[in-house]
Structure formats: structure tokens, C-alpha cells
Amino acid sequence: LIVRIVGQALEVLEIRPAWNGAPGETTELPI
């Protein structure tokens, strides 16, 4: 889980490995 500051907002995101990507590649799911 990460919190990213973007402009005037905080975005809470879940980070997971990409299911069909290269090793080390991740997917961000907005929460």
C-alpha cells in the first residue's frame, strides 16, 4: 500500500505484481 501526493490530493494505491508482465513490473490499483 502506498500514498502518493498528486497536486492537491492524496491517492491511496494498492501495489501488486503485474499478472502478465515482466518480473518486477507492478500494477497500481486505486483505493
PDB file of all heavy atoms in Angstrom:
ATOM      1  N   LEU A   1       0.853  -1.177   0.000  1.00  0.00           N
ATOM      2  CA  LEU A   1       0.000   0.000   0.000  1.00  0.00           C
ATOM      3  C   LEU A   1       0.889   1.227   0.000  1.00  0.00           C
ATOM      4  O   LEU A   1       1.889   1.266   0.743  1.00  0.00           O
ATOM      5  CB  LEU A   1      -0.858  -0.035   1.271  1.00  0.00           C
ATOM      6  CG  LEU A   1      -2.090   0.821   1.347  1.00  0.00           C
ATOM      7  CD1 LEU A   1      -3.102   0.376   0.294  1.00  0.00           C
ATOM      8  CD2 LEU A   1      -2.720   0.698   2.724  1.00  0.00           C
ATOM      9  N   ILE A   2       0.556   2.216  -0.817  1.00  0.00           N
ATOM     10  CA  ILE A   2       1.302   3.472  -0.829  1.00  0.00           C
ATOM     11  C   ILE A   2       0.312   4.637  -0.835  1.00  0.00           C
ATOM     12  O   ILE A   2      -0.859   4.466  -1.184  1.00  0.00           O
ATOM     13  CB  ILE A   2       2.253   3.600  -2.046  1.00  0.00           C
ATOM     14  CG1 ILE A   2       1.472   3.618  -3.352  1.00  0.00           C
ATOM     15  CG2 ILE A   2       3.319   2.524  -2.034  1.00  0.00           C
ATOM     16  CD1 ILE A   2       2.298   4.057  -4.557  1.00  0.00           C
ATOM     17  N   VAL A   3       0.801   5.789  -0.436  1.00  0.00           N
ATOM     18  CA  VAL A   3       0.051   7.033  -0.549  1.00  0.00           C
ATOM     19  C   VAL A   3       0.912   7.973  -1.371  1.00  0.00           C
ATOM     20  O   VAL A   3       2.060   8.234  -1.020  1.00  0.00           O
ATOM     21  CB  VAL A   3      -0.267   7.650   0.826  1.00  0.00           C
ATOM     22  CG1 VAL A   3      -0.992   8.977   0.657  1.00  0.00           C
ATOM     23  CG2 VAL A   3      -1.091   6.690   1.667  1.00  0.00           C
ATOM     24  N   ARG A   4       0.352   8.445  -2.448  1.00  0.00           N
ATOM     25  CA  ARG A   4       1.065   9.332  -3.374  1.00  0.00           C
ATOM     26  C   ARG A   4       0.426  10.725  -3.308  1.00  0.00           C
ATOM     27  O   ARG A   4      -0.801  10.846  -3.306  1.00  0.00           O
ATOM     28  CB  ARG A   4       0.970   8.777  -4.786  1.00  0.00           C
ATOM     29  CG  ARG A   4       1.684   9.595  -5.821  1.00  0.00           C
ATOM     30  CD  ARG A   4       1.578   8.982  -7.194  1.00  0.00           C
ATOM     31  NE  ARG A   4       2.256   7.696  -7.211  1.00  0.00           N
ATOM     32  CZ  ARG A   4       1.889   6.664  -7.950  1.00  0.00           C
ATOM     33  NH1 ARG A   4       0.850   6.751  -8.741  1.00  0.00           N
ATOM     34  NH2 ARG A   4       2.541   5.537  -7.917  1.00  0.00           N
ATOM     35  N   ILE A   5       1.271  11.745  -3.253  1.00  0.00           N
ATOM     36  CA  ILE A   5       0.780  13.120  -3.306  1.00  0.00           C
ATOM     37  C   ILE A   5       0.798  13.557  -4.761  1.00  0.00           C
ATOM     38  O   ILE A   5       1.835  13.528  -5.417  1.00  0.00           O
ATOM     39  CB  ILE A   5       1.641  14.056  -2.447  1.00  0.00           C
ATOM     40  CG1 ILE A   5       1.573  13.637  -0.978  1.00  0.00           C
ATOM     41  CG2 ILE A   5       1.190  15.509  -2.620  1.00  0.00           C
ATOM     42  CD1 ILE A   5       2.491  14.410  -0.056  1.00  0.00           C
ATOM     43  N   VAL A   6      -0.381  13.930  -5.271  1.00  0.00           N
ATOM     44  CA  VAL A   6      -0.527  14.365  -6.663  1.00  0.00           C
ATOM     45  C   VAL A   6      -1.275  15.697  -6.658  1.00  0.00           C
ATOM     46  O   VAL A   6      -2.470  15.731  -6.369  1.00  0.00           O
ATOM     47  CB  VAL A   6      -1.308  13.325  -7.504  1.00  0.00           C
ATOM     48  CG1 VAL A   6      -1.454  13.795  -8.936  1.00  0.00           C
ATOM     49  CG2 VAL A   6      -0.650  11.965  -7.443  1.00  0.00           C
ATOM     50  N   GLY A   7      -0.566  16.774  -6.952  1.00  0.00           N
ATOM     51  CA  GLY A   7      -1.197  18.087  -6.946  1.00  0.00           C
ATOM     52  C   GLY A   7      -1.727  18.420  -5.563  1.00  0.00           C
ATOM     53  O   GLY A   7      -0.979  18.474  -4.597  1.00  0.00           O
ATOM     54  N   GLN A   8      -3.040  18.614  -5.455  1.00  0.00           N
ATOM     55  CA  GLN A   8      -3.704  18.936  -4.188  1.00  0.00           C
ATOM     56  C   GLN A   8      -4.405  17.722  -3.598  1.00  0.00           C
ATOM     57  O   GLN A   8      -5.381  17.869  -2.871  1.00  0.00           O
ATOM     58  CB  GLN A   8      -4.754  20.035  -4.414  1.00  0.00           C
ATOM     59  CG  GLN A   8      -4.183  21.409  -4.616  1.00  0.00           C
ATOM     60  CD  GLN A   8      -3.663  22.001  -3.325  1.00  0.00           C
ATOM     61  OE1 GLN A   8      -2.468  22.230  -3.201  1.00  0.00           O
ATOM     62  NE2 GLN A   8      -4.522  22.241  -2.382  1.00  0.00           N
ATOM     63  N   ALA A   9      -3.947  16.527  -3.929  1.00  0.00           N
ATOM     64  CA  ALA A   9      -4.643  15.321  -3.476  1.00  0.00           C
ATOM     65  C   ALA A   9      -3.672  14.265  -2.966  1.00  0.00           C
ATOM     66  O   ALA A   9      -2.498  14.242  -3.332  1.00  0.00           O
ATOM     67  CB  ALA A   9      -5.464  14.741  -4.626  1.00  0.00           C
ATOM     68  N   LEU A  10      -4.225  13.400  -2.130  1.00  0.00           N
ATOM     69  CA  LEU A  10      -3.529  12.194  -1.699  1.00  0.00           C
ATOM     70  C   LEU A  10      -4.229  11.027  -2.376  1.00  0.00           C
ATOM     71  O   LEU A  10      -5.452  10.945  -2.348  1.00  0.00           O
ATOM     72  CB  LEU A  10      -3.633  12.023  -0.180  1.00  0.00           C
ATOM     73  CG  LEU A  10      -3.174  13.183   0.685  1.00  0.00           C
ATOM     74  CD1 LEU A  10      -3.408  12.860   2.153  1.00  0.00           C
ATOM     75  CD2 LEU A  10      -1.719  13.484   0.434  1.00  0.00           C
ATOM     76  N   GLU A  11      -3.465  10.157  -2.990  1.00  0.00           N
ATOM     77  CA  GLU A  11      -4.028   8.969  -3.620  1.00  0.00           C
ATOM     78  C   GLU A  11      -3.514   7.745  -2.883  1.00  0.00           C
ATOM     79  O   GLU A  11      -2.312   7.569  -2.722  1.00  0.00           O
ATOM     80  CB  GLU A  11      -3.633   8.880  -5.090  1.00  0.00           C
ATOM     81  CG  GLU A  11      -4.264   9.938  -5.948  1.00  0.00           C
ATOM     82  CD  GLU A  11      -3.906   9.809  -7.426  1.00  0.00           C
ATOM     83  OE1 GLU A  11      -3.077   8.935  -7.772  1.00  0.00           O
ATOM     84  OE2 GLU A  11      -4.447  10.585  -8.209  1.00  0.00           O
ATOM     85  N   VAL A  12      -4.432   6.911  -2.434  1.00  0.00           N
ATOM     86  CA  VAL A  12      -4.088   5.657  -1.767  1.00  0.00           C
ATOM     87  C   VAL A  12      -4.161   4.566  -2.829  1.00  0.00           C
ATOM     88  O   VAL A  12      -5.187   4.402  -3.499  1.00  0.00           O
ATOM     89  CB  VAL A  12      -5.054   5.358  -0.604  1.00  0.00           C
ATOM     90  CG1 VAL A  12      -4.670   4.052   0.073  1.00  0.00           C
ATOM     91  CG2 VAL A  12      -5.073   6.512   0.390  1.00  0.00           C
ATOM     92  N   LEU A  13      -3.057   3.831  -2.994  1.00  0.00           N
ATOM     93  CA  LEU A  13      -2.960   2.827  -4.051  1.00  0.00           C
ATOM     94  C   LEU A  13      -2.478   1.496  -3.486  1.00  0.00           C
ATOM     95  O   LEU A  13      -1.633   1.459  -2.599  1.00  0.00           O
ATOM     96  CB  LEU A  13      -1.968   3.275  -5.127  1.00  0.00           C
ATOM     97  CG  LEU A  13      -2.244   4.616  -5.786  1.00  0.00           C
ATOM     98  CD1 LEU A  13      -0.974   5.187  -6.369  1.00  0.00           C
ATOM     99  CD2 LEU A  13      -3.283   4.447  -6.853  1.00  0.00           C
ATOM    100  N   GLU A  14      -3.018   0.422  -4.042  1.00  0.00           N
ATOM    101  CA  GLU A  14      -2.530  -0.921  -3.745  1.00  0.00           C
ATOM    102  C   GLU A  14      -1.574  -1.304  -4.870  1.00  0.00           C
ATOM    103  O   GLU A  14      -1.891  -1.127  -6.040  1.00  0.00           O
ATOM    104  CB  GLU A  14      -3.707  -1.892  -3.694  1.00  0.00           C
ATOM    105  CG  GLU A  14      -3.311  -3.292  -3.325  1.00  0.00           C
ATOM    106  CD  GLU A  14      -4.512  -4.208  -3.277  1.00  0.00           C
ATOM    107  OE1 GLU A  14      -5.165  -4.278  -2.227  1.00  0.00           O
ATOM    108  OE2 GLU A  14      -4.801  -4.820  -4.326  1.00  0.00           O
ATOM    109  N   ILE A  15      -0.416  -1.827  -4.501  1.00  0.00           N
ATOM    110  CA  ILE A  15       0.612  -2.222  -5.472  1.00  0.00           C
ATOM    111  C   ILE A  15       0.718  -3.744  -5.457  1.00  0.00           C
ATOM    112  O   ILE A  15       0.879  -4.353  -4.400  1.00  0.00           O
ATOM    113  CB  ILE A  15       1.986  -1.619  -5.108  1.00  0.00           C
ATOM    114  CG1 ILE A  15       1.888  -0.098  -4.939  1.00  0.00           C
ATOM    115  CG2 ILE A  15       3.042  -1.991  -6.126  1.00  0.00           C
ATOM    116  CD1 ILE A  15       1.516   0.654  -6.163  1.00  0.00           C
ATOM    117  N   ARG A  16       0.629  -4.346  -6.646  1.00  0.00           N
ATOM    118  CA  ARG A  16       0.750  -5.802  -6.800  1.00  0.00           C
ATOM    119  C   ARG A  16       1.621  -6.094  -8.008  1.00  0.00           C
ATOM    120  O   ARG A  16       1.687  -5.282  -8.933  1.00  0.00           O
ATOM    121  CB  ARG A  16      -0.616  -6.435  -7.041  1.00  0.00           C
ATOM    122  CG  ARG A  16      -1.538  -6.390  -5.858  1.00  0.00           C
ATOM    123  CD  ARG A  16      -2.849  -7.093  -6.185  1.00  0.00           C
ATOM    124  NE  ARG A  16      -3.682  -7.194  -5.015  1.00  0.00           N
ATOM    125  CZ  ARG A  16      -3.689  -8.209  -4.176  1.00  0.00           C
ATOM    126  NH1 ARG A  16      -2.890  -9.230  -4.382  1.00  0.00           N
ATOM    127  NH2 ARG A  16      -4.481  -8.218  -3.137  1.00  0.00           N
ATOM    128  N   PRO A  17       2.239  -7.270  -8.052  1.00  0.00           N
ATOM    129  CA  PRO A  17       2.960  -7.645  -9.264  1.00  0.00           C
ATOM    130  C   PRO A  17       1.981  -7.746 -10.431  1.00  0.00           C
ATOM    131  O   PRO A  17       0.847  -8.200 -10.271  1.00  0.00           O
ATOM    132  CB  PRO A  17       3.536  -9.028  -8.934  1.00  0.00           C
ATOM    133  CG  PRO A  17       3.504  -9.120  -7.452  1.00  0.00           C
ATOM    134  CD  PRO A  17       2.358  -8.264  -6.991  1.00  0.00           C
ATOM    135  N   ALA A  18       2.423  -7.322 -11.601  1.00  0.00           N
ATOM    136  CA  ALA A  18       1.581  -7.428 -12.793  1.00  0.00           C
ATOM    137  C   ALA A  18       1.380  -8.903 -13.116  1.00  0.00           C
ATOM    138  O   ALA A  18       2.338  -9.679 -13.149  1.00  0.00           O
ATOM    139  CB  ALA A  18       2.228  -6.705 -13.964  1.00  0.00           C
ATOM    140  N   TRP A  19       0.165  -9.305 -13.347  1.00  0.00           N
ATOM    141  CA  TRP A  19      -0.132 -10.723 -13.548  1.00  0.00           C
ATOM    142  C   TRP A  19       0.408 -11.241 -14.879  1.00  0.00           C
ATOM    143  O   TRP A  19       0.689 -12.410 -15.018  1.00  0.00           O
ATOM    144  CB  TRP A  19      -1.626 -10.989 -13.446  1.00  0.00           C
ATOM    145  CG  TRP A  19      -2.435 -10.379 -14.553  1.00  0.00           C
ATOM    146  CD1 TRP A  19      -2.934  -9.120 -14.598  1.00  0.00           C
ATOM    147  CD2 TRP A  19      -2.825 -11.007 -15.780  1.00  0.00           C
ATOM    148  NE1 TRP A  19      -3.605  -8.895 -15.774  1.00  0.00           N
ATOM    149  CE2 TRP A  19      -3.555 -10.056 -16.523  1.00  0.00           C
ATOM    150  CE3 TRP A  19      -2.631 -12.263 -16.325  1.00  0.00           C
ATOM    151  CZ2 TRP A  19      -4.086 -10.328 -17.779  1.00  0.00           C
ATOM    152  CZ3 TRP A  19      -3.166 -12.529 -17.576  1.00  0.00           C
ATOM    153  CH2 TRP A  19      -3.893 -11.568 -18.287  1.00  0.00           C
ATOM    154  N   ASN A  20       0.565 -10.365 -15.865  1.00  0.00           N
ATOM    155  CA  ASN A  20       1.072 -10.810 -17.160  1.00  0.00           C
ATOM    156  C   ASN A  20       2.294 -10.028 -17.602  1.00  0.00           C
ATOM    157  O   ASN A  20       2.661 -10.073 -18.763  1.00  0.00           O
ATOM    158  CB  ASN A  20      -0.022 -10.693 -18.230  1.00  0.00           C
ATOM    159  CG  ASN A  20      -0.462  -9.249 -18.438  1.00  0.00           C
ATOM    160  OD1 ASN A  20      -0.094  -8.368 -17.669  1.00  0.00           O
ATOM    161  ND2 ASN A  20      -1.248  -9.023 -19.462  1.00  0.00           N
ATOM    162  N   GLY A  21       2.917  -9.337 -16.685  1.00  0.00           N
ATOM    163  CA  GLY A  21       4.063  -8.511 -17.042  1.00  0.00           C
ATOM    164  C   GLY A  21       5.388  -9.190 -16.776  1.00  0.00           C
ATOM    165  O   GLY A  21       5.467 -10.331 -16.333  1.00  0.00           O
ATOM    166  N   ALA A  22       6.421  -8.448 -17.059  1.00  0.00           N
ATOM    167  CA  ALA A  22       7.776  -8.925 -16.815  1.00  0.00           C
ATOM    168  C   ALA A  22       8.038  -8.961 -15.310  1.00  0.00           C
ATOM    169  O   ALA A  22       7.394  -8.235 -14.547  1.00  0.00           O
ATOM    170  CB  ALA A  22       8.771  -7.991 -17.495  1.00  0.00           C
ATOM    171  N   PRO A  23       8.975  -9.803 -14.877  1.00  0.00           N
ATOM    172  CA  PRO A  23       9.321  -9.829 -13.455  1.00  0.00           C
ATOM    173  C   PRO A  23       9.717  -8.421 -12.985  1.00  0.00           C
ATOM    174  O   PRO A  23      10.440  -7.706 -13.664  1.00  0.00           O
ATOM    175  CB  PRO A  23      10.507 -10.787 -13.383  1.00  0.00           C
ATOM    176  CG  PRO A  23      10.349 -11.654 -14.589  1.00  0.00           C
ATOM    177  CD  PRO A  23       9.725 -10.783 -15.643  1.00  0.00           C
ATOM    178  N   GLY A  24       9.200  -8.036 -11.840  1.00  0.00           N
ATOM    179  CA  GLY A  24       9.486  -6.710 -11.300  1.00  0.00           C
ATOM    180  C   GLY A  24       8.481  -5.645 -11.719  1.00  0.00           C
ATOM    181  O   GLY A  24       8.444  -4.567 -11.157  1.00  0.00           O
ATOM    182  N   GLU A  25       7.651  -5.940 -12.712  1.00  0.00           N
ATOM    183  CA  GLU A  25       6.630  -5.000 -13.160  1.00  0.00           C
ATOM    184  C   GLU A  25       5.451  -5.048 -12.190  1.00  0.00           C
ATOM    185  O   GLU A  25       5.068  -6.119 -11.728  1.00  0.00           O
ATOM    186  CB  GLU A  25       6.168  -5.382 -14.563  1.00  0.00           C
ATOM    187  CG  GLU A  25       5.425  -4.290 -15.287  1.00  0.00           C
ATOM    188  CD  GLU A  25       5.141  -4.682 -16.733  1.00  0.00           C
ATOM    189  OE1 GLU A  25       6.020  -5.290 -17.370  1.00  0.00           O
ATOM    190  OE2 GLU A  25       4.036  -4.382 -17.189  1.00  0.00           O
ATOM    191  N   THR A  26       4.894  -3.887 -11.862  1.00  0.00           N
ATOM    192  CA  THR A  26       3.800  -3.840 -10.899  1.00  0.00           C
ATOM    193  C   THR A  26       2.556  -3.170 -11.488  1.00  0.00           C
ATOM    194  O   THR A  26       2.630  -2.478 -12.497  1.00  0.00           O
ATOM    195  CB  THR A  26       4.205  -3.064  -9.632  1.00  0.00           C
ATOM    196  OG1 THR A  26       4.578  -1.736  -9.992  1.00  0.00           O
ATOM    197  CG2 THR A  26       5.346  -3.737  -8.904  1.00  0.00           C
ATOM    198  N   THR A  27       1.445  -3.409 -10.806  1.00  0.00           N
ATOM    199  CA  THR A  27       0.167  -2.798 -11.150  1.00  0.00           C
ATOM    200  C   THR A  27      -0.297  -1.983  -9.960  1.00  0.00           C
ATOM    201  O   THR A  27      -0.188  -2.438  -8.815  1.00  0.00           O
ATOM    202  CB  THR A  27      -0.881  -3.894 -11.458  1.00  0.00           C
ATOM    203  OG1 THR A  27      -0.421  -4.684 -12.542  1.00  0.00           O
ATOM    204  CG2 THR A  27      -2.221  -3.291 -11.799  1.00  0.00           C
ATOM    205  N   GLU A  28      -0.810  -0.792 -10.229  1.00  0.00           N
ATOM    206  CA  GLU A  28      -1.337   0.070  -9.173  1.00  0.00           C
ATOM    207  C   GLU A  28      -2.856   0.080  -9.250  1.00  0.00           C
ATOM    208  O   GLU A  28      -3.421   0.371 -10.301  1.00  0.00           O
ATOM    209  CB  GLU A  28      -0.808   1.487  -9.320  1.00  0.00           C
ATOM    210  CG  GLU A  28       0.690   1.589  -9.178  1.00  0.00           C
ATOM    211  CD  GLU A  28       1.205   3.003  -9.370  1.00  0.00           C
ATOM    212  OE1 GLU A  28       0.424   3.904  -9.756  1.00  0.00           O
ATOM    213  OE2 GLU A  28       2.403   3.211  -9.125  1.00  0.00           O
ATOM    214  N   LEU A  29      -3.497  -0.251  -8.149  1.00  0.00           N
ATOM    215  CA  LEU A  29      -4.956  -0.263  -8.075  1.00  0.00           C
ATOM    216  C   LEU A  29      -5.402   0.870  -7.156  1.00  0.00           C
ATOM    217  O   LEU A  29      -5.076   0.872  -5.969  1.00  0.00           O
ATOM    218  CB  LEU A  29      -5.451  -1.602  -7.523  1.00  0.00           C
ATOM    219  CG  LEU A  29      -4.955  -2.834  -8.273  1.00  0.00           C
ATOM    220  CD1 LEU A  29      -5.247  -4.092  -7.483  1.00  0.00           C
ATOM    221  CD2 LEU A  29      -5.599  -2.891  -9.630  1.00  0.00           C
ATOM    222  N   PRO A  30      -6.143   1.852  -7.678  1.00  0.00           N
ATOM    223  CA  PRO A  30      -6.567   2.974  -6.843  1.00  0.00           C
ATOM    224  C   PRO A  30      -7.590   2.544  -5.802  1.00  0.00           C
ATOM    225  O   PRO A  30      -8.484   1.744  -6.079  1.00  0.00           O
ATOM    226  CB  PRO A  30      -7.186   3.955  -7.837  1.00  0.00           C
ATOM    227  CG  PRO A  30      -7.308   3.250  -9.122  1.00  0.00           C
ATOM    228  CD  PRO A  30      -6.557   1.976  -9.058  1.00  0.00           C
ATOM    229  N   ILE A  31      -7.439   3.066  -4.596  1.00  0.00           N
ATOM    230  CA  ILE A  31      -8.336   2.744  -3.493  1.00  0.00           C
ATOM    231  C   ILE A  31      -9.120   3.969  -3.052  1.00  0.00           C
ATOM    232  O   ILE A  31     -10.324   3.905  -2.896  1.00  0.00           O
ATOM    233  CB  ILE A  31      -7.546   2.157  -2.307  1.00  0.00           C
ATOM    234  CG1 ILE A  31      -6.955   0.821  -2.709  1.00  0.00           C
ATOM    235  CG2 ILE A  31      -8.413   2.038  -1.071  1.00  0.00           C
ATOM    236  CD1 ILE A  31      -6.041   0.226  -1.686  1.00  0.00           C
TER     237      ILE A  31
END
